[in-house]
Amino acid sequence: MATITERRTENGERRYQAKVRLKGYPPQAATFRRKKEAERWAQSTEAALRERRYFKAAESERRTVDETIKRYLAEILPTKRSGRSQRAQLLWWQEELDSLTLPT
């Protein structure tokens, strides 16, 4: 979702700050001289984020927290002594953050 805020510089000029926030992505922000420019940027950035064009798609961005935890539970956890307590923690995090993509 995009938000545009009017701001004043030290010499009194108007500037418009556009912020785009979408679940699963870091917030993006930019400042413009004209409100129309801010609106265009916000609209195109939001569309690019949704279509996954905004960032270079690294391998980590194509994976979710859920997939990563499932793999860890299957491959790494069986080799650890603290598996039982760690499993409970991982299952909690899996439920809370399952659909988020991993940061690069």
N, C-alpha and C. Protein backbone atom coordinates (compact mmCIF):
# COMPACT_ATOMS: atom_id res chain seq x y z
N MET A 1 0.84 -1.18 0.00
CA MET A 1 0.00 0.00 0.00
C MET A 1 0.88 1.24 0.00
N ALA A 2 0.51 2.23 -0.78
CA ALA A 2 1.31 3.44 -0.92
C ALA A 2 0.74 4.57 -0.08
N THR A 3 1.65 5.36 0.49
CA THR A 3 1.28 6.54 1.26
C THR A 3 2.11 7.71 0.76
N ILE A 4 1.48 8.85 0.54
CA ILE A 4 2.20 10.04 0.11
C ILE A 4 2.02 11.12 1.15
N THR A 5 3.15 11.66 1.62
CA THR A 5 3.14 12.66 2.68
C THR A 5 3.80 13.94 2.18
N GLU A 6 3.15 15.08 2.43
CA GLU A 6 3.75 16.37 2.06
C GLU A 6 4.72 16.78 3.15
N ARG A 7 5.90 17.23 2.74
CA ARG A 7 6.91 17.67 3.69
C ARG A 7 7.44 19.03 3.25
N ARG A 8 8.01 19.75 4.18
CA ARG A 8 8.61 21.06 3.87
C ARG A 8 10.12 20.99 4.12
N THR A 9 10.87 21.58 3.19
CA THR A 9 12.32 21.63 3.37
C THR A 9 12.64 22.79 4.31
N GLU A 10 13.91 22.95 4.63
CA GLU A 10 14.33 24.03 5.53
C GLU A 10 14.00 25.41 4.96
N ASN A 11 14.03 25.54 3.64
CA ASN A 11 13.73 26.84 3.03
C ASN A 11 12.25 26.97 2.64
N GLY A 12 11.41 26.05 3.09
CA GLY A 12 9.97 26.16 2.91
C GLY A 12 9.40 25.53 1.65
N GLU A 13 10.24 24.91 0.83
CA GLU A 13 9.73 24.28 -0.39
C GLU A 13 8.98 22.99 -0.05
N ARG A 14 8.00 22.68 -0.88
CA ARG A 14 7.23 21.45 -0.69
C ARG A 14 7.94 20.28 -1.35
N ARG A 15 7.93 19.17 -0.66
CA ARG A 15 8.41 17.90 -1.20
C ARG A 15 7.38 16.84 -0.85
N TYR A 16 7.32 15.80 -1.64
CA TYR A 16 6.36 14.73 -1.40
C TYR A 16 7.12 13.42 -1.24
N GLN A 17 6.90 12.80 -0.10
CA GLN A 17 7.54 11.52 0.17
C GLN A 17 6.53 10.41 -0.08
N ALA A 18 6.92 9.48 -0.94
CA ALA A 18 6.07 8.33 -1.24
C ALA A 18 6.67 7.11 -0.53
N LYS A 19 5.82 6.36 0.14
CA LYS A 19 6.24 5.12 0.81
C LYS A 19 5.35 3.99 0.31
N VAL A 20 5.99 2.88 -0.01
CA VAL A 20 5.26 1.69 -0.44
C VAL A 20 5.59 0.58 0.53
N ARG A 21 4.54 0.00 1.12
CA ARG A 21 4.72 -1.11 2.05
C ARG A 21 3.83 -2.26 1.62
N LEU A 22 4.46 -3.40 1.37
CA LEU A 22 3.73 -4.62 1.03
C LEU A 22 4.23 -5.74 1.93
N LYS A 23 3.33 -6.56 2.38
CA LYS A 23 3.69 -7.67 3.25
C LYS A 23 4.71 -8.57 2.56
N GLY A 24 5.76 -8.90 3.28
CA GLY A 24 6.79 -9.78 2.75
C GLY A 24 7.93 -9.05 2.06
N TYR A 25 7.87 -7.73 1.97
CA TYR A 25 8.90 -6.94 1.31
C TYR A 25 9.33 -5.80 2.23
N PRO A 26 10.58 -5.38 2.14
CA PRO A 26 11.00 -4.22 2.93
C PRO A 26 10.32 -2.96 2.41
N PRO A 27 10.03 -1.99 3.28
CA PRO A 27 9.40 -0.74 2.84
C PRO A 27 10.31 0.01 1.86
N GLN A 28 9.70 0.64 0.89
CA GLN A 28 10.43 1.44 -0.10
C GLN A 28 9.95 2.88 0.02
N ALA A 29 10.87 3.84 -0.12
CA ALA A 29 10.49 5.25 -0.01
C ALA A 29 11.33 6.09 -0.94
N ALA A 30 10.75 7.18 -1.42
CA ALA A 30 11.45 8.15 -2.27
C ALA A 30 10.77 9.50 -2.12
N THR A 31 11.53 10.57 -2.37
CA THR A 31 11.01 11.93 -2.22
C THR A 31 11.04 12.64 -3.58
N PHE A 32 9.99 13.42 -3.86
CA PHE A 32 9.84 14.07 -5.16
C PHE A 32 9.42 15.53 -4.98
N ARG A 33 9.66 16.33 -6.03
CA ARG A 33 9.26 17.73 -6.02
C ARG A 33 7.77 17.89 -6.28
N ARG A 34 7.21 17.02 -7.11
CA ARG A 34 5.79 17.13 -7.45
C ARG A 34 5.02 15.91 -6.95
N LYS A 35 3.80 16.16 -6.54
CA LYS A 35 2.97 15.08 -6.01
C LYS A 35 2.66 14.04 -7.09
N LYS A 36 2.46 14.50 -8.31
CA LYS A 36 2.16 13.58 -9.41
C LYS A 36 3.29 12.59 -9.64
N GLU A 37 4.55 13.07 -9.53
CA GLU A 37 5.70 12.18 -9.67
C GLU A 37 5.71 11.12 -8.56
N ALA A 38 5.40 11.56 -7.35
CA ALA A 38 5.36 10.63 -6.22
C ALA A 38 4.28 9.58 -6.42
N GLU A 39 3.13 10.00 -6.93
CA GLU A 39 2.04 9.05 -7.17
C GLU A 39 2.42 8.03 -8.24
N ARG A 40 3.06 8.51 -9.32
CA ARG A 40 3.49 7.59 -10.38
C ARG A 40 4.52 6.59 -9.87
N TRP A 41 5.50 7.09 -9.12
CA TRP A 41 6.53 6.21 -8.58
C TRP A 41 5.92 5.17 -7.65
N ALA A 42 5.03 5.60 -6.78
CA ALA A 42 4.41 4.68 -5.83
C ALA A 42 3.62 3.60 -6.56
N GLN A 43 2.88 4.00 -7.57
CA GLN A 43 2.08 3.05 -8.33
C GLN A 43 2.97 2.04 -9.07
N SER A 44 4.00 2.52 -9.73
CA SER A 44 4.87 1.61 -10.49
C SER A 44 5.69 0.72 -9.56
N THR A 45 6.14 1.25 -8.44
CA THR A 45 6.92 0.46 -7.49
C THR A 45 6.06 -0.63 -6.87
N GLU A 46 4.85 -0.29 -6.51
CA GLU A 46 3.93 -1.28 -5.94
C GLU A 46 3.66 -2.41 -6.94
N ALA A 47 3.45 -2.05 -8.20
CA ALA A 47 3.22 -3.06 -9.23
C ALA A 47 4.46 -3.92 -9.43
N ALA A 48 5.63 -3.30 -9.44
CA ALA A 48 6.88 -4.05 -9.62
C ALA A 48 7.12 -5.02 -8.45
N LEU A 49 6.81 -4.59 -7.25
CA LEU A 49 6.96 -5.47 -6.09
C LEU A 49 6.03 -6.67 -6.21
N ARG A 50 4.81 -6.42 -6.58
CA ARG A 50 3.84 -7.51 -6.71
C ARG A 50 4.24 -8.50 -7.80
N GLU A 51 4.83 -7.99 -8.86
CA GLU A 51 5.25 -8.84 -9.97
C GLU A 51 6.67 -9.35 -9.80
N ARG A 52 7.30 -9.04 -8.67
CA ARG A 52 8.65 -9.48 -8.33
C ARG A 52 9.68 -8.97 -9.34
N ARG A 53 9.48 -7.78 -9.88
CA ARG A 53 10.42 -7.16 -10.81
C ARG A 53 11.31 -6.13 -10.13
N TYR A 54 10.96 -5.71 -8.94
CA TYR A 54 11.66 -4.60 -8.30
C TYR A 54 13.07 -4.98 -7.88
N PHE A 55 13.24 -6.17 -7.34
CA PHE A 55 14.54 -6.64 -6.90
C PHE A 55 15.02 -7.72 -7.84
N LYS A 56 16.31 -7.88 -7.92
CA LYS A 56 16.83 -9.03 -8.65
C LYS A 56 16.46 -10.25 -7.84
N ALA A 57 15.86 -11.21 -8.47
CA ALA A 57 15.37 -12.38 -7.75
C ALA A 57 16.51 -13.34 -7.45
N ALA A 58 17.03 -13.26 -6.26
CA ALA A 58 18.06 -14.19 -5.81
C ALA A 58 17.38 -15.49 -5.40
N GLU A 59 18.16 -16.52 -5.25
CA GLU A 59 17.62 -17.82 -4.84
C GLU A 59 16.85 -17.68 -3.53
N SER A 60 17.38 -16.92 -2.60
CA SER A 60 16.72 -16.79 -1.30
C SER A 60 15.34 -16.15 -1.42
N GLU A 61 15.16 -15.24 -2.38
CA GLU A 61 13.87 -14.58 -2.53
C GLU A 61 12.80 -15.51 -3.11
N ARG A 62 13.23 -16.60 -3.71
CA ARG A 62 12.28 -17.55 -4.27
C ARG A 62 11.86 -18.59 -3.23
N ARG A 63 12.42 -18.51 -2.04
CA ARG A 63 12.12 -19.46 -0.98
C ARG A 63 11.36 -18.76 0.14
N THR A 64 10.46 -19.50 0.75
CA THR A 64 9.72 -18.96 1.89
C THR A 64 10.33 -19.50 3.18
N VAL A 65 9.95 -18.87 4.28
CA VAL A 65 10.40 -19.34 5.59
C VAL A 65 9.90 -20.76 5.82
N ASP A 66 8.69 -21.03 5.40
CA ASP A 66 8.10 -22.36 5.57
C ASP A 66 8.95 -23.44 4.89
N GLU A 67 9.34 -23.20 3.63
CA GLU A 67 10.16 -24.18 2.91
C GLU A 67 11.51 -24.39 3.59
N THR A 68 12.10 -23.31 4.05
CA THR A 68 13.41 -23.39 4.69
C THR A 68 13.34 -24.18 5.99
N ILE A 69 12.32 -23.93 6.79
CA ILE A 69 12.19 -24.65 8.06
C ILE A 69 11.89 -26.13 7.81
N LYS A 70 11.06 -26.43 6.83
CA LYS A 70 10.78 -27.84 6.51
C LYS A 70 12.06 -28.58 6.12
N ARG A 71 12.88 -27.94 5.32
CA ARG A 71 14.14 -28.57 4.91
C ARG A 71 15.07 -28.75 6.10
N TYR A 72 15.15 -27.73 6.96
CA TYR A 72 15.99 -27.82 8.15
C TYR A 72 15.52 -28.96 9.06
N LEU A 73 14.21 -29.07 9.25
CA LEU A 73 13.65 -30.14 10.09
C LEU A 73 13.99 -31.52 9.53
N ALA A 74 14.00 -31.63 8.21
CA ALA A 74 14.25 -32.92 7.59
C ALA A 74 15.74 -33.28 7.51
N GLU A 75 16.59 -32.30 7.23
CA GLU A 75 17.99 -32.60 6.96
C GLU A 75 18.95 -32.33 8.12
N ILE A 76 18.75 -31.28 8.86
CA ILE A 76 19.71 -30.87 9.88
C ILE A 76 19.31 -31.32 11.28
N LEU A 77 18.08 -31.11 11.63
CA LEU A 77 17.64 -31.39 12.99
C LEU A 77 17.87 -32.83 13.46
N PRO A 78 17.69 -33.83 12.61
CA PRO A 78 17.93 -35.19 13.08
C PRO A 78 19.37 -35.46 13.54
N THR A 79 20.31 -34.63 13.11
CA THR A 79 21.71 -34.82 13.48
C THR A 79 22.09 -34.09 14.77
N LYS A 80 21.15 -33.37 15.38
CA LYS A 80 21.45 -32.56 16.57
C LYS A 80 20.92 -33.21 17.84
N ARG A 81 21.61 -32.97 18.93
CA ARG A 81 21.17 -33.47 20.24
C ARG A 81 19.98 -32.68 20.78
N SER A 82 19.96 -31.40 20.53
CA SER A 82 18.90 -30.53 21.06
C SER A 82 17.69 -30.50 20.14
N GLY A 83 17.48 -31.53 19.38
CA GLY A 83 16.44 -31.56 18.37
C GLY A 83 15.04 -31.36 18.90
N ARG A 84 14.71 -31.95 20.03
CA ARG A 84 13.34 -31.88 20.55
C ARG A 84 12.94 -30.45 20.90
N SER A 85 13.76 -29.75 21.66
CA SER A 85 13.39 -28.37 22.05
C SER A 85 13.47 -27.43 20.86
N GLN A 86 14.45 -27.65 20.01
CA GLN A 86 14.58 -26.78 18.84
C GLN A 86 13.43 -27.00 17.86
N ARG A 87 12.93 -28.20 17.76
CA ARG A 87 11.81 -28.52 16.87
C ARG A 87 10.58 -27.69 17.24
N ALA A 88 10.29 -27.60 18.54
CA ALA A 88 9.13 -26.83 18.99
C ALA A 88 9.27 -25.35 18.61
N GLN A 89 10.47 -24.82 18.76
CA GLN A 89 10.70 -23.42 18.40
C GLN A 89 10.53 -23.21 16.89
N LEU A 90 11.10 -24.11 16.13
CA LEU A 90 11.00 -23.98 14.67
C LEU A 90 9.56 -24.10 14.18
N LEU A 91 8.80 -24.98 14.78
CA LEU A 91 7.39 -25.12 14.38
C LEU A 91 6.61 -23.86 14.70
N TRP A 92 6.94 -23.22 15.83
CA TRP A 92 6.27 -21.95 16.18
C TRP A 92 6.60 -20.89 15.13
N TRP A 93 7.90 -20.74 14.79
CA TRP A 93 8.30 -19.75 13.80
C TRP A 93 7.70 -20.06 12.43
N GLN A 94 7.62 -21.33 12.11
CA GLN A 94 7.04 -21.73 10.83
C GLN A 94 5.59 -21.27 10.74
N GLU A 95 4.86 -21.40 11.81
CA GLU A 95 3.46 -20.98 11.82
C GLU A 95 3.33 -19.46 11.74
N GLU A 96 4.22 -18.75 12.41
CA GLU A 96 4.14 -17.28 12.43
C GLU A 96 4.59 -16.62 11.13
N LEU A 97 5.62 -17.17 10.49
CA LEU A 97 6.25 -16.49 9.36
C LEU A 97 6.21 -17.29 8.06
N ASP A 98 5.33 -18.25 7.95
CA ASP A 98 5.38 -19.22 6.87
C ASP A 98 5.42 -18.64 5.46
N SER A 99 4.66 -17.62 5.15
CA SER A 99 4.56 -17.14 3.77
C SER A 99 5.58 -16.05 3.42
N LEU A 100 6.37 -15.60 4.37
CA LEU A 100 7.37 -14.57 4.06
C LEU A 100 8.50 -15.14 3.24
N THR A 101 9.00 -14.33 2.31
CA THR A 101 10.18 -14.75 1.55
C THR A 101 11.42 -14.38 2.35
N LEU A 102 12.51 -15.05 2.05
CA LEU A 102 13.75 -14.80 2.76
C LEU A 102 14.43 -13.57 2.21
N PRO A 103 15.07 -12.77 3.06
CA PRO A 103 15.80 -11.60 2.55
C PRO A 103 17.11 -12.04 1.91
N THR A 104 17.64 -11.19 1.04
CA THR A 104 18.92 -11.53 0.40
C THR A 104 20.07 -11.17 1.29
